[in-house]
């Protein structure tokens, strides 16, 4: 819901300004396009992904050793961050 408000808010202000200036009749919305960014699949990019993945796995094992000492909210946060990392890495490769 918050993300939706964040996307809609600039258009709300643009329409409010156009309404207050009496220019609402001829107003056209600016174009919006949502696309995936291009990924330059060079050797350096794959090397960077491997380094990030290696450090993430080492960090994940380090966190798992002290996992029972953490609060429940911290455990959930670490699992969610690791899930985001895995999804982001698979998204950049494919």
N, C-alpha and C. Protein backbone atom coordinates (compact mmCIF):
# COMPACT_ATOMS: atom_id res chain seq x y z
N UNK A 1 0.82 -1.19 0.00
CA UNK A 1 0.00 0.00 0.00
C UNK A 1 0.87 1.26 0.00
N UNK A 2 1.95 1.23 0.78
CA UNK A 2 2.83 2.39 0.85
C UNK A 2 3.52 2.61 -0.49
N UNK A 3 3.93 1.53 -1.15
CA UNK A 3 4.57 1.66 -2.46
C UNK A 3 3.59 2.26 -3.47
N UNK A 4 2.34 1.86 -3.41
CA UNK A 4 1.33 2.41 -4.30
C UNK A 4 1.16 3.91 -4.07
N UNK A 5 1.11 4.32 -2.81
CA UNK A 5 1.02 5.75 -2.50
C UNK A 5 2.25 6.49 -3.00
N UNK A 6 3.42 5.87 -2.89
CA UNK A 6 4.64 6.50 -3.35
C UNK A 6 4.65 6.71 -4.85
N UNK A 7 4.03 5.79 -5.59
CA UNK A 7 3.97 5.93 -7.05
C UNK A 7 2.91 6.96 -7.45
N UNK A 8 1.81 6.99 -6.75
CA UNK A 8 0.69 7.87 -7.11
C UNK A 8 0.91 9.31 -6.67
N UNK A 9 1.65 9.56 -5.60
CA UNK A 9 1.78 10.90 -5.03
C UNK A 9 2.30 11.95 -6.02
N UNK A 10 3.35 11.70 -6.80
CA UNK A 10 3.79 12.75 -7.74
C UNK A 10 2.71 13.12 -8.76
N UNK A 11 1.96 12.15 -9.24
CA UNK A 11 0.89 12.44 -10.19
C UNK A 11 -0.22 13.26 -9.54
N UNK A 12 -0.48 12.98 -8.26
CA UNK A 12 -1.48 13.75 -7.53
C UNK A 12 -1.07 15.23 -7.46
N UNK A 13 0.20 15.46 -7.13
CA UNK A 13 0.66 16.85 -7.05
C UNK A 13 0.69 17.53 -8.41
N UNK A 14 1.06 16.81 -9.45
CA UNK A 14 1.06 17.39 -10.80
C UNK A 14 -0.36 17.77 -11.21
N UNK A 15 -1.31 16.89 -10.95
CA UNK A 15 -2.70 17.19 -11.29
C UNK A 15 -3.25 18.33 -10.43
N UNK A 16 -2.86 18.40 -9.17
CA UNK A 16 -3.32 19.49 -8.31
C UNK A 16 -2.79 20.83 -8.81
N UNK A 17 -1.53 20.88 -9.21
CA UNK A 17 -0.96 22.12 -9.74
C UNK A 17 -1.63 22.49 -11.06
N UNK A 18 -1.87 21.51 -11.91
CA UNK A 18 -2.55 21.79 -13.18
C UNK A 18 -3.98 22.27 -12.94
N UNK A 19 -4.66 21.73 -11.94
CA UNK A 19 -6.03 22.15 -11.61
C UNK A 19 -6.03 23.58 -11.07
N UNK A 20 -5.08 23.87 -10.19
CA UNK A 20 -5.04 25.21 -9.59
C UNK A 20 -4.65 26.28 -10.61
N UNK A 21 -3.89 25.92 -11.62
CA UNK A 21 -3.50 26.87 -12.67
C UNK A 21 -4.47 26.86 -13.84
N UNK A 22 -5.54 26.13 -13.73
CA UNK A 22 -6.59 26.03 -14.75
C UNK A 22 -6.03 25.54 -16.08
N UNK A 23 -5.13 24.57 -16.02
CA UNK A 23 -4.56 23.96 -17.22
C UNK A 23 -4.89 22.46 -17.28
N UNK A 24 -5.95 22.07 -16.64
CA UNK A 24 -6.29 20.66 -16.55
C UNK A 24 -6.86 20.11 -17.85
N UNK A 25 -7.49 20.98 -18.67
CA UNK A 25 -8.12 20.52 -19.90
C UNK A 25 -7.13 19.93 -20.89
N UNK A 26 -6.04 20.59 -21.10
CA UNK A 26 -5.07 20.13 -22.10
C UNK A 26 -3.92 19.33 -21.52
N UNK A 27 -4.08 18.82 -20.31
CA UNK A 27 -2.97 18.12 -19.66
C UNK A 27 -2.90 16.67 -20.11
N UNK A 28 -1.69 16.20 -20.41
CA UNK A 28 -1.45 14.80 -20.75
C UNK A 28 -0.46 14.23 -19.75
N UNK A 29 -0.73 13.03 -19.29
CA UNK A 29 0.18 12.39 -18.34
C UNK A 29 1.51 12.07 -19.02
N UNK A 30 2.61 12.26 -18.27
CA UNK A 30 3.90 11.84 -18.83
C UNK A 30 3.94 10.32 -18.95
N UNK A 31 4.65 9.85 -19.92
CA UNK A 31 4.72 8.40 -20.15
C UNK A 31 5.51 7.70 -19.05
N UNK A 32 5.04 6.53 -18.69
CA UNK A 32 5.71 5.72 -17.67
C UNK A 32 5.94 4.34 -18.28
N UNK A 33 7.17 3.89 -18.21
CA UNK A 33 7.49 2.56 -18.72
C UNK A 33 8.29 1.80 -17.65
N UNK A 34 7.84 0.60 -17.36
CA UNK A 34 8.53 -0.24 -16.39
C UNK A 34 9.20 -1.37 -17.16
N UNK A 35 10.54 -1.38 -17.15
CA UNK A 35 11.28 -2.40 -17.86
C UNK A 35 12.40 -2.91 -16.98
N UNK A 36 12.95 -4.04 -17.35
CA UNK A 36 14.11 -4.57 -16.64
C UNK A 36 15.37 -3.89 -17.15
N UNK A 37 16.30 -3.60 -16.23
CA UNK A 37 17.54 -2.98 -16.71
C UNK A 37 18.38 -3.97 -17.49
N UNK A 38 19.18 -3.45 -18.39
CA UNK A 38 20.09 -4.30 -19.17
C UNK A 38 21.24 -4.74 -18.28
N UNK A 39 21.62 -5.99 -18.38
CA UNK A 39 22.73 -6.52 -17.59
C UNK A 39 23.88 -6.81 -18.52
N UNK A 40 24.99 -6.14 -18.29
CA UNK A 40 26.19 -6.36 -19.10
C UNK A 40 26.86 -7.63 -18.59
N UNK A 41 26.75 -8.70 -19.32
CA UNK A 41 27.22 -10.00 -18.86
C UNK A 41 28.68 -10.23 -19.25
N UNK A 42 29.54 -9.41 -18.73
CA UNK A 42 30.96 -9.57 -18.97
C UNK A 42 31.59 -10.43 -17.89
N UNK A 43 32.88 -10.68 -18.05
CA UNK A 43 33.58 -11.51 -17.06
C UNK A 43 33.65 -10.83 -15.70
N UNK A 44 33.80 -9.51 -15.69
CA UNK A 44 33.87 -8.80 -14.41
C UNK A 44 32.54 -8.86 -13.67
N UNK A 45 31.45 -8.83 -14.38
CA UNK A 45 30.14 -8.90 -13.73
C UNK A 45 29.93 -10.26 -13.07
N UNK A 46 30.29 -11.31 -13.77
CA UNK A 46 30.15 -12.64 -13.18
C UNK A 46 31.12 -12.84 -12.02
N UNK A 47 32.30 -12.26 -12.11
CA UNK A 47 33.25 -12.34 -10.99
C UNK A 47 32.70 -11.62 -9.77
N UNK A 48 32.06 -10.48 -9.99
CA UNK A 48 31.46 -9.74 -8.88
C UNK A 48 30.32 -10.52 -8.25
N UNK A 49 29.52 -11.18 -9.08
CA UNK A 49 28.42 -11.98 -8.54
C UNK A 49 28.97 -13.14 -7.73
N UNK A 50 30.03 -13.76 -8.19
CA UNK A 50 30.62 -14.88 -7.44
C UNK A 50 31.18 -14.40 -6.10
N UNK A 51 31.84 -13.23 -6.10
CA UNK A 51 32.38 -12.69 -4.85
C UNK A 51 31.26 -12.37 -3.86
N UNK A 52 30.20 -11.74 -4.34
CA UNK A 52 29.07 -11.42 -3.48
C UNK A 52 28.41 -12.68 -2.96
N UNK A 53 28.24 -13.66 -3.82
CA UNK A 53 27.63 -14.93 -3.39
C UNK A 53 28.49 -15.64 -2.36
N UNK A 54 29.81 -15.64 -2.57
CA UNK A 54 30.72 -16.28 -1.62
C UNK A 54 30.65 -15.61 -0.24
N UNK A 55 30.72 -14.28 -0.22
CA UNK A 55 30.65 -13.58 1.06
C UNK A 55 29.28 -13.74 1.72
N UNK A 56 28.22 -13.84 0.92
CA UNK A 56 26.89 -14.05 1.49
C UNK A 56 26.78 -15.43 2.13
N UNK A 57 27.34 -16.44 1.48
CA UNK A 57 27.29 -17.79 2.04
C UNK A 57 28.11 -17.87 3.33
N UNK A 58 29.30 -17.26 3.32
CA UNK A 58 30.12 -17.24 4.54
C UNK A 58 29.39 -16.49 5.66
N UNK A 59 28.80 -15.36 5.34
CA UNK A 59 28.03 -14.61 6.33
C UNK A 59 26.82 -15.38 6.81
N UNK A 60 26.16 -16.10 5.91
CA UNK A 60 24.99 -16.89 6.29
C UNK A 60 25.38 -17.97 7.30
N UNK A 61 26.51 -18.65 7.06
CA UNK A 61 26.95 -19.67 8.01
C UNK A 61 27.35 -19.06 9.35
N UNK A 62 27.95 -17.87 9.33
CA UNK A 62 28.32 -17.18 10.56
C UNK A 62 27.07 -16.80 11.36
N UNK A 63 26.05 -16.33 10.67
CA UNK A 63 24.81 -15.95 11.35
C UNK A 63 24.12 -17.20 11.89
N UNK A 64 24.18 -18.31 11.16
CA UNK A 64 23.53 -19.53 11.62
C UNK A 64 24.14 -20.05 12.92
N UNK A 65 25.43 -19.82 13.15
CA UNK A 65 26.07 -20.28 14.38
C UNK A 65 25.50 -19.54 15.60
N UNK A 66 25.17 -18.29 15.45
CA UNK A 66 24.64 -17.49 16.56
C UNK A 66 23.14 -17.24 16.42
N UNK A 67 22.48 -18.08 15.67
CA UNK A 67 21.08 -17.84 15.34
C UNK A 67 20.16 -17.95 16.56
N UNK A 68 20.42 -18.89 17.46
CA UNK A 68 19.53 -19.09 18.60
C UNK A 68 19.62 -17.96 19.63
N UNK A 69 20.69 -17.21 19.61
CA UNK A 69 20.86 -16.11 20.56
C UNK A 69 20.13 -14.84 20.13
N UNK A 70 19.71 -14.78 18.88
CA UNK A 70 19.06 -13.57 18.38
C UNK A 70 17.59 -13.55 18.74
N UNK A 71 17.05 -12.36 18.73
CA UNK A 71 15.61 -12.22 18.92
C UNK A 71 14.87 -12.72 17.69
N UNK A 72 13.61 -13.00 17.86
CA UNK A 72 12.81 -13.57 16.77
C UNK A 72 12.75 -12.60 15.58
N UNK A 73 12.60 -11.30 15.86
CA UNK A 73 12.51 -10.32 14.77
C UNK A 73 13.82 -10.26 13.98
N UNK A 74 14.94 -10.38 14.67
CA UNK A 74 16.24 -10.36 13.99
C UNK A 74 16.40 -11.61 13.12
N UNK A 75 15.92 -12.75 13.60
CA UNK A 75 15.99 -13.98 12.80
C UNK A 75 15.18 -13.84 11.52
N UNK A 76 13.98 -13.30 11.65
CA UNK A 76 13.14 -13.12 10.47
C UNK A 76 13.79 -12.15 9.48
N UNK A 77 14.39 -11.09 10.00
CA UNK A 77 15.03 -10.10 9.14
C UNK A 77 16.20 -10.71 8.38
N UNK A 78 17.03 -11.50 9.05
CA UNK A 78 18.17 -12.12 8.38
C UNK A 78 17.70 -13.08 7.29
N UNK A 79 16.67 -13.86 7.58
CA UNK A 79 16.15 -14.77 6.56
C UNK A 79 15.59 -14.01 5.36
N UNK A 80 14.93 -12.90 5.62
CA UNK A 80 14.36 -12.11 4.54
C UNK A 80 15.45 -11.45 3.70
N UNK A 81 16.50 -10.95 4.33
CA UNK A 81 17.61 -10.35 3.59
C UNK A 81 18.30 -11.40 2.72
N UNK A 82 18.49 -12.59 3.26
CA UNK A 82 19.11 -13.65 2.48
C UNK A 82 18.23 -14.04 1.29
N UNK A 83 16.92 -14.10 1.50
CA UNK A 83 16.00 -14.41 0.41
C UNK A 83 16.06 -13.33 -0.67
N UNK A 84 16.10 -12.05 -0.28
CA UNK A 84 16.23 -10.96 -1.25
C UNK A 84 17.51 -11.09 -2.06
N UNK A 85 18.60 -11.45 -1.38
CA UNK A 85 19.89 -11.60 -2.07
C UNK A 85 19.82 -12.72 -3.11
N UNK A 86 19.24 -13.85 -2.73
CA UNK A 86 19.16 -14.98 -3.65
C UNK A 86 18.30 -14.62 -4.86
N UNK A 87 17.17 -13.98 -4.63
CA UNK A 87 16.28 -13.59 -5.73
C UNK A 87 16.98 -12.58 -6.64
N UNK A 88 17.68 -11.60 -6.04
CA UNK A 88 18.37 -10.59 -6.85
C UNK A 88 19.49 -11.22 -7.68
N UNK A 89 20.21 -12.17 -7.12
CA UNK A 89 21.28 -12.80 -7.87
C UNK A 89 20.74 -13.64 -9.03
N UNK A 90 19.65 -14.37 -8.79
CA UNK A 90 19.07 -15.15 -9.88
C UNK A 90 18.46 -14.23 -10.94
N UNK A 91 17.93 -13.09 -10.52
CA UNK A 91 17.33 -12.17 -11.48
C UNK A 91 18.39 -11.54 -12.38
N UNK A 92 19.60 -11.28 -11.84
CA UNK A 92 20.64 -10.67 -12.67
C UNK A 92 21.24 -11.66 -13.64
N UNK A 93 21.28 -12.94 -13.27
CA UNK A 93 21.89 -13.94 -14.12
C UNK A 93 20.96 -14.32 -15.27
N UNK A 94 19.67 -14.45 -15.00
CA UNK A 94 18.73 -14.90 -16.03
C UNK A 94 17.99 -13.77 -16.64
